[in-house]
Amino acid sequence: MTMNFDELPEFQKECKRLNRKYKSLLDDIKGFKSDLQNFKDIISIMPLGNSKHFNVITKNEQCTVVKARLFCRYLKGSSLRVIYAYHIAASKVDFIEIYFKGEKENENRERIKGYLINQNPTHHPI
C-alpha cells in the first residue's frame, strides 16, 4: 500500500521560505532527491520513525502526531524539525509544520491543536 502525503498551507509556506536558504530541502540537486523527498521515502516505510530522531507528540484514534528531525544537506550537522500526523487507517501523512531549530525553539502547539480539532471536532486534543 502506498503512502499518501498532504501539506497544510502553512507548511507549504514555511517550506518555500526555508528552501530559499536551504536549496536541497525541496530541490533535486545533481541527481539527488530533495531532502523532503528522502524524508517521505523513510516515513513511507516506517511512519513512526526508526530512531531517537522521531518523537510521538500525541496520539488518538485517528492519528499519531510525530515530531522528527529532517536532515538537510545545506545544514551541515544541524537539522530541521518536521511535525506530521500519520493516519494509519487511511495510510496518509499530513505535514503540519517545518522549522529550523536555530530560529524557533518548539513546535506550534496551537497549530497542532487546530489540526486535531479539524480532524475530529467532537474530541478535544492534547
PDB file of N, CA and C in Angstrom:
ATOM      1  N   MET A   1       0.846  -1.192   0.000  1.00  0.00           N
ATOM      2  CA  MET A   1       0.000   0.000   0.000  1.00  0.00           C
ATOM      3  C   MET A   1       0.890   1.253   0.000  1.00  0.00           C
ATOM      4  N   THR A   2       0.559   2.184  -0.852  1.00  0.00           N
ATOM      5  CA  THR A   2       1.375   3.396  -0.915  1.00  0.00           C
ATOM      6  C   THR A   2       0.874   4.441   0.080  1.00  0.00           C
ATOM      7  N   MET A   3       1.807   5.232   0.536  1.00  0.00           N
ATOM      8  CA  MET A   3       1.511   6.296   1.491  1.00  0.00           C
ATOM      9  C   MET A   3       1.108   7.542   0.714  1.00  0.00           C
ATOM     10  N   ASN A   4       0.064   8.198   1.183  1.00  0.00           N
ATOM     11  CA  ASN A   4      -0.348   9.471   0.591  1.00  0.00           C
ATOM     12  C   ASN A   4       0.141  10.604   1.480  1.00  0.00           C
ATOM     13  N   PHE A   5       0.591  11.684   0.840  1.00  0.00           N
ATOM     14  CA  PHE A   5       1.115  12.833   1.574  1.00  0.00           C
ATOM     15  C   PHE A   5       0.300  14.069   1.250  1.00  0.00           C
ATOM     16  N   ASP A   6       0.083  14.879   2.279  1.00  0.00           N
ATOM     17  CA  ASP A   6      -0.600  16.150   2.097  1.00  0.00           C
ATOM     18  C   ASP A   6       0.099  17.175   2.991  1.00  0.00           C
ATOM     19  N   GLU A   7      -0.061  18.440   2.675  1.00  0.00           N
ATOM     20  CA  GLU A   7       0.613  19.501   3.427  1.00  0.00           C
ATOM     21  C   GLU A   7      -0.377  20.600   3.766  1.00  0.00           C
ATOM     22  N   LEU A   8      -0.336  21.062   5.000  1.00  0.00           N
ATOM     23  CA  LEU A   8      -1.130  22.232   5.360  1.00  0.00           C
ATOM     24  C   LEU A   8      -0.563  23.440   4.620  1.00  0.00           C
ATOM     25  N   PRO A   9      -1.388  24.443   4.304  1.00  0.00           N
ATOM     26  CA  PRO A   9      -0.891  25.639   3.603  1.00  0.00           C
ATOM     27  C   PRO A   9       0.261  26.318   4.354  1.00  0.00           C
ATOM     28  N   GLU A  10       0.199  26.329   5.692  1.00  0.00           N
ATOM     29  CA  GLU A  10       1.278  26.943   6.490  1.00  0.00           C
ATOM     30  C   GLU A  10       2.590  26.182   6.292  1.00  0.00           C
ATOM     31  N   PHE A  11       2.492  24.868   6.198  1.00  0.00           N
ATOM     32  CA  PHE A  11       3.676  24.039   5.969  1.00  0.00           C
ATOM     33  C   PHE A  11       4.298  24.375   4.609  1.00  0.00           C
ATOM     34  N   GLN A  12       3.449  24.518   3.592  1.00  0.00           N
ATOM     35  CA  GLN A  12       3.946  24.855   2.253  1.00  0.00           C
ATOM     36  C   GLN A  12       4.670  26.195   2.251  1.00  0.00           C
ATOM     37  N   LYS A  13       4.103  27.173   2.957  1.00  0.00           N
ATOM     38  CA  LYS A  13       4.738  28.491   3.048  1.00  0.00           C
ATOM     39  C   LYS A  13       6.093  28.403   3.733  1.00  0.00           C
ATOM     40  N   GLU A  14       6.139  27.672   4.852  1.00  0.00           N
ATOM     41  CA  GLU A  14       7.386  27.522   5.597  1.00  0.00           C
ATOM     42  C   GLU A  14       8.447  26.816   4.746  1.00  0.00           C
ATOM     43  N   CYS A  15       8.020  25.818   3.988  1.00  0.00           N
ATOM     44  CA  CYS A  15       8.951  25.093   3.106  1.00  0.00           C
ATOM     45  C   CYS A  15       9.558  26.026   2.066  1.00  0.00           C
ATOM     46  N   LYS A  16       8.704  26.819   1.437  1.00  0.00           N
ATOM     47  CA  LYS A  16       9.201  27.750   0.410  1.00  0.00           C
ATOM     48  C   LYS A  16      10.194  28.740   1.002  1.00  0.00           C
ATOM     49  N   ARG A  17       9.871  29.255   2.194  1.00  0.00           N
ATOM     50  CA  ARG A  17      10.761  30.213   2.857  1.00  0.00           C
ATOM     51  C   ARG A  17      12.095  29.551   3.199  1.00  0.00           C
ATOM     52  N   LEU A  18      12.051  28.365   3.776  1.00  0.00           N
ATOM     53  CA  LEU A  18      13.280  27.666   4.156  1.00  0.00           C
ATOM     54  C   LEU A  18      14.088  27.229   2.936  1.00  0.00           C
ATOM     55  N   ASN A  19      13.396  26.922   1.840  1.00  0.00           N
ATOM     56  CA  ASN A  19      14.096  26.460   0.634  1.00  0.00           C
ATOM     57  C   ASN A  19      14.937  27.571  -0.009  1.00  0.00           C
ATOM     58  N   ARG A  20      14.594  28.834   0.266  1.00  0.00           N
ATOM     59  CA  ARG A  20      15.422  29.924  -0.257  1.00  0.00           C
ATOM     60  C   ARG A  20      16.816  29.866   0.338  1.00  0.00           C
ATOM     61  N   LYS A  21      16.899  29.492   1.620  1.00  0.00           N
ATOM     62  CA  LYS A  21      18.179  29.376   2.315  1.00  0.00           C
ATOM     63  C   LYS A  21      18.821  28.014   2.105  1.00  0.00           C
ATOM     64  N   TYR A  22      18.004  26.974   2.190  1.00  0.00           N
ATOM     65  CA  TYR A  22      18.497  25.590   2.152  1.00  0.00           C
ATOM     66  C   TYR A  22      17.932  24.898   0.908  1.00  0.00           C
ATOM     67  N   LYS A  23      18.598  25.127  -0.210  1.00  0.00           N
ATOM     68  CA  LYS A  23      18.106  24.710  -1.529  1.00  0.00           C
ATOM     69  C   LYS A  23      17.784  23.218  -1.652  1.00  0.00           C
ATOM     70  N   SER A  24      18.485  22.375  -0.878  1.00  0.00           N
ATOM     71  CA  SER A  24      18.263  20.936  -1.031  1.00  0.00           C
ATOM     72  C   SER A  24      16.958  20.470  -0.383  1.00  0.00           C
ATOM     73  N   LEU A  25      16.281  21.353   0.353  1.00  0.00           N
ATOM     74  CA  LEU A  25      15.040  20.974   1.018  1.00  0.00           C
ATOM     75  C   LEU A  25      13.985  20.512   0.012  1.00  0.00           C
ATOM     76  N   LEU A  26      13.736  21.317  -1.016  1.00  0.00           N
ATOM     77  CA  LEU A  26      12.695  20.993  -1.996  1.00  0.00           C
ATOM     78  C   LEU A  26      13.237  20.675  -3.385  1.00  0.00           C
ATOM     79  N   ASP A  27      14.494  21.029  -3.651  1.00  0.00           N
ATOM     80  CA  ASP A  27      15.032  20.884  -4.995  1.00  0.00           C
ATOM     81  C   ASP A  27      15.910  19.643  -5.128  1.00  0.00           C
ATOM     82  N   ASP A  28      15.694  18.910  -6.227  1.00  0.00           N
ATOM     83  CA  ASP A  28      16.595  17.808  -6.547  1.00  0.00           C
ATOM     84  C   ASP A  28      17.890  18.432  -7.064  1.00  0.00           C
ATOM     85  N   ILE A  29      19.011  18.066  -6.471  1.00  0.00           N
ATOM     86  CA  ILE A  29      20.292  18.668  -6.839  1.00  0.00           C
ATOM     87  C   ILE A  29      21.266  17.594  -7.274  1.00  0.00           C
ATOM     88  N   LYS A  30      21.832  17.806  -8.473  1.00  0.00           N
ATOM     89  CA  LYS A  30      22.862  16.908  -9.014  1.00  0.00           C
ATOM     90  C   LYS A  30      22.465  15.440  -8.915  1.00  0.00           C
ATOM     91  N   GLY A  31      21.243  15.134  -9.317  1.00  0.00           N
ATOM     92  CA  GLY A  31      20.809  13.745  -9.327  1.00  0.00           C
ATOM     93  C   GLY A  31      20.361  13.197  -7.981  1.00  0.00           C
ATOM     94  N   PHE A  32      20.458  14.009  -6.918  1.00  0.00           N
ATOM     95  CA  PHE A  32      19.997  13.563  -5.601  1.00  0.00           C
ATOM     96  C   PHE A  32      18.578  14.067  -5.368  1.00  0.00           C
ATOM     97  N   LYS A  33      17.770  13.241  -4.736  1.00  0.00           N
ATOM     98  CA  LYS A  33      16.417  13.660  -4.392  1.00  0.00           C
ATOM     99  C   LYS A  33      16.473  14.780  -3.364  1.00  0.00           C
ATOM    100  N   SER A  34      15.402  15.564  -3.312  1.00  0.00           N
ATOM    101  CA  SER A  34      15.330  16.631  -2.309  1.00  0.00           C
ATOM    102  C   SER A  34      15.311  16.014  -0.909  1.00  0.00           C
ATOM    103  N   ASP A  35      15.687  16.801   0.078  1.00  0.00           N
ATOM    104  CA  ASP A  35      15.690  16.332   1.465  1.00  0.00           C
ATOM    105  C   ASP A  35      14.286  15.922   1.912  1.00  0.00           C
ATOM    106  N   LEU A  36      13.283  16.697   1.493  1.00  0.00           N
ATOM    107  CA  LEU A  36      11.906  16.367   1.873  1.00  0.00           C
ATOM    108  C   LEU A  36      11.482  15.046   1.226  1.00  0.00           C
ATOM    109  N   GLN A  37      11.885  14.811  -0.016  1.00  0.00           N
ATOM    110  CA  GLN A  37      11.542  13.547  -0.674  1.00  0.00           C
ATOM    111  C   GLN A  37      12.222  12.368   0.017  1.00  0.00           C
ATOM    112  N   ASN A  38      13.470  12.535   0.411  1.00  0.00           N
ATOM    113  CA  ASN A  38      14.164  11.479   1.171  1.00  0.00           C
ATOM    114  C   ASN A  38      13.420  11.177   2.471  1.00  0.00           C
ATOM    115  N   PHE A  39      12.956  12.231   3.139  1.00  0.00           N
ATOM    116  CA  PHE A  39      12.202  12.072   4.386  1.00  0.00           C
ATOM    117  C   PHE A  39      10.906  11.302   4.127  1.00  0.00           C
ATOM    118  N   LYS A  40      10.207  11.652   3.044  1.00  0.00           N
ATOM    119  CA  LYS A  40       8.967  10.950   2.686  1.00  0.00           C
ATOM    120  C   LYS A  40       9.243   9.467   2.422  1.00  0.00           C
ATOM    121  N   ASP A  41      10.360   9.181   1.762  1.00  0.00           N
ATOM    122  CA  ASP A  41      10.727   7.785   1.495  1.00  0.00           C
ATOM    123  C   ASP A  41      10.893   7.004   2.800  1.00  0.00           C
ATOM    124  N   ILE A  42      11.518   7.641   3.783  1.00  0.00           N
ATOM    125  CA  ILE A  42      11.740   6.978   5.082  1.00  0.00           C
ATOM    126  C   ILE A  42      10.413   6.727   5.788  1.00  0.00           C
ATOM    127  N   ILE A  43       9.565   7.755   5.875  1.00  0.00           N
ATOM    128  CA  ILE A  43       8.320   7.555   6.623  1.00  0.00           C
ATOM    129  C   ILE A  43       7.296   6.730   5.843  1.00  0.00           C
ATOM    130  N   SER A  44       7.504   6.527   4.550  1.00  0.00           N
ATOM    131  CA  SER A  44       6.651   5.600   3.800  1.00  0.00           C
ATOM    132  C   SER A  44       6.869   4.177   4.310  1.00  0.00           C
ATOM    133  N   ILE A  45       8.108   3.897   4.688  1.00  0.00           N
ATOM    134  CA  ILE A  45       8.467   2.562   5.170  1.00  0.00           C
ATOM    135  C   ILE A  45       8.217   2.440   6.675  1.00  0.00           C
ATOM    136  N   MET A  46       8.613   3.472   7.411  1.00  0.00           N
ATOM    137  CA  MET A  46       8.464   3.470   8.885  1.00  0.00           C
ATOM    138  C   MET A  46       7.784   4.766   9.317  1.00  0.00           C
ATOM    139  N   PRO A  47       6.456   4.816   9.261  1.00  0.00           N
ATOM    140  CA  PRO A  47       5.715   6.054   9.524  1.00  0.00           C
ATOM    141  C   PRO A  47       5.961   6.690  10.889  1.00  0.00           C
ATOM    142  N   LEU A  48       6.285   5.881  11.879  1.00  0.00           N
ATOM    143  CA  LEU A  48       6.525   6.453  13.207  1.00  0.00           C
ATOM    144  C   LEU A  48       8.009   6.593  13.499  1.00  0.00           C
ATOM    145  N   GLY A  49       8.818   6.425  12.466  1.00  0.00           N
ATOM    146  CA  GLY A  49      10.244   6.648  12.611  1.00  0.00           C
ATOM    147  C   GLY A  49      11.027   5.398  12.936  1.00  0.00           C
ATOM    148  N   ASN A  50      12.341   5.592  12.958  1.00  0.00           N
ATOM    149  CA  ASN A  50      13.233   4.453  13.141  1.00  0.00           C
ATOM    150  C   ASN A  50      14.354   4.729  14.134  1.00  0.00           C
ATOM    151  N   SER A  51      14.234   5.821  14.871  1.00  0.00           N
ATOM    152  CA  SER A  51      15.334   6.152  15.780  1.00  0.00           C
ATOM    153  C   SER A  51      14.889   7.189  16.797  1.00  0.00           C
ATOM    154  N   LYS A  52      15.838   7.645  17.587  1.00  0.00           N
ATOM    155  CA  LYS A  52      15.561   8.680  18.586  1.00  0.00           C
ATOM    156  C   LYS A  52      15.230  10.027  17.941  1.00  0.00           C
ATOM    157  N   HIS A  53      15.372  10.124  16.624  1.00  0.00           N
ATOM    158  CA  HIS A  53      15.081  11.378  15.926  1.00  0.00           C
ATOM    159  C   HIS A  53      13.596  11.542  15.627  1.00  0.00           C
ATOM    160  N   PHE A  54      12.787  10.587  16.091  1.00  0.00           N
ATOM    161  CA  PHE A  54      11.333  10.649  15.925  1.00  0.00           C
ATOM    162  C   PHE A  54      10.703  10.568  17.310  1.00  0.00           C
ATOM    163  N   ASN A  55       9.746  11.471  17.572  1.00  0.00           N
ATOM    164  CA  ASN A  55       9.150  11.537  18.897  1.00  0.00           C
ATOM    165  C   ASN A  55       7.636  11.742  18.753  1.00  0.00           C
ATOM    166  N   VAL A  56       6.838  10.843  19.334  1.00  0.00           N
ATOM    167  CA  VAL A  56       5.378  10.977  19.276  1.00  0.00           C
ATOM    168  C   VAL A  56       4.954  12.092  20.225  1.00  0.00           C
ATOM    169  N   ILE A  57       4.242  13.088  19.691  1.00  0.00           N
ATOM    170  CA  ILE A  57       3.764  14.219  20.495  1.00  0.00           C
ATOM    171  C   ILE A  57       2.428  13.868  21.130  1.00  0.00           C
ATOM    172  N   THR A  58       1.528  13.328  20.323  1.00  0.00           N
ATOM    173  CA  THR A  58       0.205  12.948  20.819  1.00  0.00           C
ATOM    174  C   THR A  58      -0.377  11.875  19.904  1.00  0.00           C
ATOM    175  N   LYS A  59      -1.372  11.193  20.424  1.00  0.00           N
ATOM    176  CA  LYS A  59      -1.959  10.077  19.672  1.00  0.00           C
ATOM    177  C   LYS A  59      -3.432   9.984  20.025  1.00  0.00           C
ATOM    178  N   ASN A  60      -4.263   9.737  19.006  1.00  0.00           N
ATOM    179  CA  ASN A  60      -5.680   9.482  19.270  1.00  0.00           C
ATOM    180  C   ASN A  60      -6.148   8.356  18.345  1.00  0.00           C
ATOM    181  N   GLU A  61      -7.462   8.112  18.295  1.00  0.00           N
ATOM    182  CA  GLU A  61      -7.967   7.004  17.468  1.00  0.00           C
ATOM    183  C   GLU A  61      -7.667   7.217  15.980  1.00  0.00           C
ATOM    184  N   GLN A  62      -7.672   8.466  15.541  1.00  0.00           N
ATOM    185  CA  GLN A  62      -7.486   8.764  14.120  1.00  0.00           C
ATOM    186  C   GLN A  62      -6.027   8.801  13.677  1.00  0.00           C
ATOM    187  N   CYS A  63      -5.184   9.408  14.495  1.00  0.00           N
ATOM    188  CA  CYS A  63      -3.821   9.643  14.020  1.00  0.00           C
ATOM    189  C   CYS A  63      -2.813   9.756  15.154  1.00  0.00           C
ATOM    190  N   THR A  64      -1.556   9.705  14.754  1.00  0.00           N
ATOM    191  CA  THR A  64      -0.439   9.912  15.659  1.00  0.00           C
ATOM    192  C   THR A  64       0.337  11.121  15.150  1.00  0.00           C
ATOM    193  N   VAL A  65       0.558  12.113  16.015  1.00  0.00           N
ATOM    194  CA  VAL A  65       1.321  13.296  15.626  1.00  0.00           C
ATOM    195  C   VAL A  65       2.766  13.088  16.080  1.00  0.00           C
ATOM    196  N   VAL A  66       3.680  13.252  15.119  1.00  0.00           N
ATOM    197  CA  VAL A  66       5.093  12.971  15.346  1.00  0.00           C
ATOM    198  C   VAL A  66       5.929  14.216  15.066  1.00  0.00           C
ATOM    199  N   LYS A  67       6.949  14.407  15.896  1.00  0.00           N
ATOM    200  CA  LYS A  67       7.948  15.452  15.667  1.00  0.00           C
ATOM    201  C   LYS A  67       9.225  14.714  15.277  1.00  0.00           C
ATOM    202  N   ALA A  68       9.833  15.117  14.173  1.00  0.00           N
ATOM    203  CA  ALA A  68      11.012  14.402  13.688  1.00  0.00           C
ATOM    204  C   ALA A  68      12.067  15.376  13.185  1.00  0.00           C
ATOM    205  N   ARG A  69      13.287  14.881  13.123  1.00  0.00           N
ATOM    206  CA  ARG A  69      14.368  15.656  12.517  1.00  0.00           C
ATOM    207  C   ARG A  69      14.403  15.338  11.032  1.00  0.00           C
ATOM    208  N   LEU A  70      14.521  16.378  10.235  1.00  0.00           N
ATOM    209  CA  LEU A  70      14.690  16.208   8.800  1.00  0.00           C
ATOM    210  C   LEU A  70      16.103  16.705   8.504  1.00  0.00           C
ATOM    211  N   PHE A  71      16.950  15.807   8.066  1.00  0.00           N
ATOM    212  CA  PHE A  71      18.332  16.198   7.795  1.00  0.00           C
ATOM    213  C   PHE A  71      18.420  16.898   6.458  1.00  0.00           C
ATOM    214  N   CYS A  72      19.055  18.055   6.469  1.00  0.00           N
ATOM    215  CA  CYS A  72      19.165  18.901   5.294  1.00  0.00           C
ATOM    216  C   CYS A  72      20.642  19.010   4.919  1.00  0.00           C
ATOM    217  N   ARG A  73      20.944  18.734   3.662  1.00  0.00           N
ATOM    218  CA  ARG A  73      22.349  18.771   3.222  1.00  0.00           C
ATOM    219  C   ARG A  73      22.971  20.156   3.359  1.00  0.00           C
ATOM    220  N   TYR A  74      22.164  21.196   3.275  1.00  0.00           N
ATOM    221  CA  TYR A  74      22.690  22.563   3.376  1.00  0.00           C
ATOM    222  C   TYR A  74      22.989  22.959   4.811  1.00  0.00           C
ATOM    223  N   LEU A  75      22.486  22.196   5.760  1.00  0.00           N
ATOM    224  CA  LEU A  75      22.689  22.491   7.180  1.00  0.00           C
ATOM    225  C   LEU A  75      23.679  21.485   7.744  1.00  0.00           C
ATOM    226  N   LYS A  76      24.909  21.679   7.472  1.00  0.00           N
ATOM    227  CA  LYS A  76      25.936  20.721   7.902  1.00  0.00           C
ATOM    228  C   LYS A  76      25.866  20.486   9.415  1.00  0.00           C
ATOM    229  N   GLY A  77      25.417  19.310   9.798  1.00  0.00           N
ATOM    230  CA  GLY A  77      25.355  18.960  11.209  1.00  0.00           C
ATOM    231  C   GLY A  77      24.067  19.350  11.914  1.00  0.00           C
ATOM    232  N   SER A  78      23.339  20.324  11.397  1.00  0.00           N
ATOM    233  CA  SER A  78      22.066  20.722  12.000  1.00  0.00           C
ATOM    234  C   SER A  78      20.921  20.085  11.230  1.00  0.00           C
ATOM    235  N   SER A  79      19.734  20.254  11.750  1.00  0.00           N
ATOM    236  CA  SER A  79      18.591  19.685  11.051  1.00  0.00           C
ATOM    237  C   SER A  79      17.360  20.550  11.242  1.00  0.00           C
ATOM    238  N   LEU A  80      16.374  20.284  10.420  1.00  0.00           N
ATOM    239  CA  LEU A  80      15.087  20.950  10.529  1.00  0.00           C
ATOM    240  C   LEU A  80      14.168  20.048  11.345  1.00  0.00           C
ATOM    241  N   ARG A  81      13.109  20.613  11.875  1.00  0.00           N
ATOM    242  CA  ARG A  81      12.115  19.821  12.590  1.00  0.00           C
ATOM    243  C   ARG A  81      10.848  19.785  11.742  1.00  0.00           C
ATOM    244  N   VAL A  82      10.243  18.615  11.690  1.00  0.00           N
ATOM    245  CA  VAL A  82       9.001  18.434  10.939  1.00  0.00           C
ATOM    246  C   VAL A  82       7.964  17.848  11.887  1.00  0.00           C
ATOM    247  N   ILE A  83       6.781  18.433  11.855  1.00  0.00           N
ATOM    248  CA  ILE A  83       5.658  17.894  12.624  1.00  0.00           C
ATOM    249  C   ILE A  83       4.678  17.338  11.598  1.00  0.00           C
ATOM    250  N   TYR A  84       4.292  16.080  11.784  1.00  0.00           N
ATOM    251  CA  TYR A  84       3.336  15.477  10.857  1.00  0.00           C
ATOM    252  C   TYR A  84       2.380  14.553  11.588  1.00  0.00           C
ATOM    253  N   ALA A  85       1.240  14.315  10.958  1.00  0.00           N
ATOM    254  CA  ALA A  85       0.234  13.413  11.515  1.00  0.00           C
ATOM    255  C   ALA A  85       0.154  12.192  10.623  1.00  0.00           C
ATOM    256  N   TYR A  86       0.272  11.030  11.229  1.00  0.00           N
ATOM    257  CA  TYR A  86       0.172   9.768  10.499  1.00  0.00           C
ATOM    258  C   TYR A  86      -1.194   9.146  10.773  1.00  0.00           C
ATOM    259  N   HIS A  87      -1.955   8.944   9.701  1.00  0.00           N
ATOM    260  CA  HIS A  87      -3.281   8.327   9.782  1.00  0.00           C
ATOM    261  C   HIS A  87      -3.141   6.875   9.325  1.00  0.00           C
ATOM    262  N   ILE A  88      -3.167   5.949  10.279  1.00  0.00           N
ATOM    263  CA  ILE A  88      -2.938   4.537   9.970  1.00  0.00           C
ATOM    264  C   ILE A  88      -3.995   3.997   9.006  1.00  0.00           C
ATOM    265  N   ALA A  89      -5.276   4.189   9.340  1.00  0.00           N
ATOM    266  CA  ALA A  89      -6.364   3.619   8.539  1.00  0.00           C
ATOM    267  C   ALA A  89      -6.336   4.117   7.091  1.00  0.00           C
ATOM    268  N   ALA A  90      -6.016   5.388   6.907  1.00  0.00           N
ATOM    269  CA  ALA A  90      -6.021   5.976   5.557  1.00  0.00           C
ATOM    270  C   ALA A  90      -4.664   5.848   4.868  1.00  0.00           C
ATOM    271  N   SER A  91      -3.669   5.349   5.580  1.00  0.00           N
ATOM    272  CA  SER A  91      -2.296   5.280   5.057  1.00  0.00           C
ATOM    273  C   SER A  91      -1.894   6.643   4.481  1.00  0.00           C
ATOM    274  N   LYS A  92      -2.007   7.649   5.350  1.00  0.00           N
ATOM    275  CA  LYS A  92      -1.811   9.034   4.919  1.00  0.00           C
ATOM    276  C   LYS A  92      -0.978   9.792   5.944  1.00  0.00           C
ATOM    277  N   VAL A  93      -0.155  10.709   5.443  1.00  0.00           N
ATOM    278  CA  VAL A  93       0.630  11.604   6.294  1.00  0.00           C
ATOM    279  C   VAL A  93       0.280  13.039   5.920  1.00  0.00           C
ATOM    280  N   ASP A  94      -0.076  13.823   6.921  1.00  0.00           N
ATOM    281  CA  ASP A  94      -0.312  15.256   6.732  1.00  0.00           C
ATOM    282  C   ASP A  94       0.841  16.000   7.385  1.00  0.00           C
ATOM    283  N   PHE A  95       1.543  16.808   6.596  1.00  0.00           N
ATOM    284  CA  PHE A  95       2.620  17.627   7.147  1.00  0.00           C
ATOM    285  C   PHE A  95       2.003  18.888   7.745  1.00  0.00           C
ATOM    286  N   ILE A  96       2.327  19.151   9.018  1.00  0.00           N
ATOM    287  CA  ILE A  96       1.705  20.248   9.751  1.00  0.00           C
ATOM    288  C   ILE A  96       2.629  21.455   9.866  1.00  0.00           C
ATOM    289  N   GLU A  97       3.909  21.203  10.180  1.00  0.00           N
ATOM    290  CA  GLU A  97       4.834  22.320  10.417  1.00  0.00           C
ATOM    291  C   GLU A  97       6.263  21.886  10.113  1.00  0.00           C
ATOM    292  N   ILE A  98       7.067  22.856   9.654  1.00  0.00           N
ATOM    293  CA  ILE A  98       8.505  22.637   9.476  1.00  0.00           C
ATOM    294  C   ILE A  98       9.220  23.901   9.945  1.00  0.00           C
ATOM    295  N   TYR A  99      10.319  23.714  10.681  1.00  0.00           N
ATOM    296  CA  TYR A  99      11.065  24.878  11.155  1.00  0.00           C
ATOM    297  C   TYR A  99      12.513  24.509  11.424  1.00  0.00           C
ATOM    298  N   PHE A 100      13.343  25.546  11.443  1.00  0.00           N
ATOM    299  CA  PHE A 100      14.759  25.376  11.763  1.00  0.00           C
ATOM    300  C   PHE A 100      14.920  25.587  13.259  1.00  0.00           C
ATOM    301  N   LYS A 101      15.523  24.615  13.918  1.00  0.00           N
ATOM    302  CA  LYS A 101      15.687  24.642  15.381  1.00  0.00           C
ATOM    303  C   LYS A 101      16.418  25.906  15.853  1.00  0.00           C
ATOM    304  N   GLY A 102      17.325  26.427  15.036  1.00  0.00           N
ATOM    305  CA  GLY A 102      18.066  27.625  15.404  1.00  0.00           C
ATOM    306  C   GLY A 102      17.218  28.885  15.439  1.00  0.00           C
ATOM    307  N   GLU A 103      16.079  28.875  14.732  1.00  0.00           N
ATOM    308  CA  GLU A 103      15.201  30.046  14.678  1.00  0.00           C
ATOM    309  C   GLU A 103      14.044  29.957  15.654  1.00  0.00           C
ATOM    310  N   LYS A 104      13.683  28.737  15.995  1.00  0.00           N
ATOM    311  CA  LYS A 104      12.475  28.534  16.791  1.00  0.00           C
ATOM    312  C   LYS A 104      12.688  27.351  17.719  1.00  0.00           C
ATOM    313  N   GLU A 105      12.364  27.526  18.985  1.00  0.00           N
ATOM    314  CA  GLU A 105      12.672  26.501  19.980  1.00  0.00           C
ATOM    315  C   GLU A 105      11.759  25.278  19.895  1.00  0.00           C
ATOM    316  N   ASN A 106      10.435  25.516  19.791  1.00  0.00           N
ATOM    317  CA  ASN A 106       9.475  24.408  19.829  1.00  0.00           C
ATOM    318  C   ASN A 106       8.423  24.509  18.739  1.00  0.00           C
ATOM    319  N   GLU A 107       7.704  23.417  18.592  1.00  0.00           N
ATOM    320  CA  GLU A 107       6.622  23.353  17.621  1.00  0.00           C
ATOM    321  C   GLU A 107       5.467  24.265  18.034  1.00  0.00           C
ATOM    322  N   ASN A 108       4.612  24.569  17.071  1.00  0.00           N
ATOM    323  CA  ASN A 108       3.453  25.426  17.296  1.00  0.00           C
ATOM    324  C   ASN A 108       2.300  24.552  17.814  1.00  0.00           C
ATOM    325  N   ARG A 109       2.169  24.495  19.129  1.00  0.00           N
ATOM    326  CA  ARG A 109       1.147  23.639  19.764  1.00  0.00           C
ATOM    327  C   ARG A 109      -0.269  24.028  19.328  1.00  0.00           C
ATOM    328  N   GLU A 110      -0.500  25.338  19.151  1.00  0.00           N
ATOM    329  CA  GLU A 110      -1.835  25.794  18.742  1.00  0.00           C
ATOM    330  C   GLU A 110      -2.195  25.275  17.349  1.00  0.00           C
ATOM    331  N   ARG A 111      -1.218  25.250  16.456  1.00  0.00           N
ATOM    332  CA  ARG A 111      -1.474  24.739  15.112  1.00  0.00           C
ATOM    333  C   ARG A 111      -1.810  23.249  15.170  1.00  0.00           C
ATOM    334  N   ILE A 112      -1.082  22.517  16.006  1.00  0.00           N
ATOM    335  CA  ILE A 112      -1.343  21.077  16.147  1.00  0.00           C
ATOM    336  C   ILE A 112      -2.741  20.852  16.720  1.00  0.00           C
ATOM    337  N   LYS A 113      -3.097  21.623  17.752  1.00  0.00           N
ATOM    338  CA  LYS A 113      -4.435  21.504  18.345  1.00  0.00           C
ATOM    339  C   LYS A 113      -5.507  21.805  17.299  1.00  0.00           C
ATOM    340  N   GLY A 114      -5.297  22.879  16.548  1.00  0.00           N
ATOM    341  CA  GLY A 114      -6.249  23.251  15.492  1.00  0.00           C
ATOM    342  C   GLY A 114      -6.400  22.155  14.458  1.00  0.00           C
ATOM    343  N   TYR A 115      -5.288  21.564  14.084  1.00  0.00           N
ATOM    344  CA  TYR A 115      -5.321  20.465  13.111  1.00  0.00           C
ATOM    345  C   TYR A 115      -6.143  19.301  13.659  1.00  0.00           C
ATOM    346  N   LEU A 116      -5.880  18.916  14.918  1.00  0.00           N
ATOM    347  CA  LEU A 116      -6.584  17.781  15.519  1.00  0.00           C
ATOM    348  C   LEU A 116      -8.080  18.059  15.677  1.00  0.00           C
ATOM    349  N   ILE A 117      -8.433  19.278  16.035  1.00  0.00           N
ATOM    350  CA  ILE A 117      -9.854  19.639  16.153  1.00  0.00           C
ATOM    351  C   ILE A 117     -10.525  19.526  14.787  1.00  0.00           C
ATOM    352  N   ASN A 118      -9.839  19.983  13.730  1.00  0.00           N
ATOM    353  CA  ASN A 118     -10.404  19.885  12.377  1.00  0.00           C
ATOM    354  C   ASN A 118     -10.568  18.436  11.925  1.00  0.00           C
ATOM    355  N   GLN A 119      -9.716  17.551  12.423  1.00  0.00           N
ATOM    356  CA  GLN A 119      -9.810  16.129  12.063  1.00  0.00           C
ATOM    357  C   GLN A 119     -11.007  15.468  12.730  1.00  0.00           C
ATOM    358  N   ASN A 120     -11.283  15.883  13.968  1.00  0.00           N
ATOM    359  CA  ASN A 120     -12.364  15.270  14.731  1.00  0.00           C
ATOM    360  C   ASN A 120     -12.951  16.307  15.683  1.00  0.00           C
ATOM    361  N   PRO A 121     -13.919  17.098  15.211  1.00  0.00           N
ATOM    362  CA  PRO A 121     -14.457  18.206  16.006  1.00  0.00           C
ATOM    363  C   PRO A 121     -15.093  17.781  17.329  1.00  0.00           C
ATOM    364  N   THR A 122     -15.451  16.505  17.518  1.00  0.00           N
ATOM    365  CA  THR A 122     -16.123  16.087  18.744  1.00  0.00           C
ATOM    366  C   THR A 122     -15.151  15.770  19.877  1.00  0.00           C
ATOM    367  N   HIS A 123     -13.889  15.497  19.556  1.00  0.00           N
ATOM    368  CA  HIS A 123     -12.899  15.183  20.596  1.00  0.00           C
ATOM    369  C   HIS A 123     -11.953  16.360  20.807  1.00  0.00           C
ATOM    370  N   HIS A 124     -11.475  16.491  22.017  1.00  0.00           N
ATOM    371  CA  HIS A 124     -10.522  17.560  22.315  1.00  0.00           C
ATOM    372  C   HIS A 124      -9.112  16.992  22.345  1.00  0.00           C
ATOM    373  N   PRO A 125      -8.180  17.591  21.594  1.00  0.00           N
ATOM    374  CA  PRO A 125      -6.802  17.094  21.542  1.00  0.00           C
ATOM    375  C   PRO A 125      -5.986  17.494  22.768  1.00  0.00           C
ATOM    376  N   ILE A 126      -4.768  17.046  22.756  1.00  0.00           N
ATOM    377  CA  ILE A 126      -3.751  17.283  23.793  1.00  0.00           C
ATOM    378  C   ILE A 126      -4.238  18.029  25.016  1.00  0.00           C
TER     379      ILE A 126
END
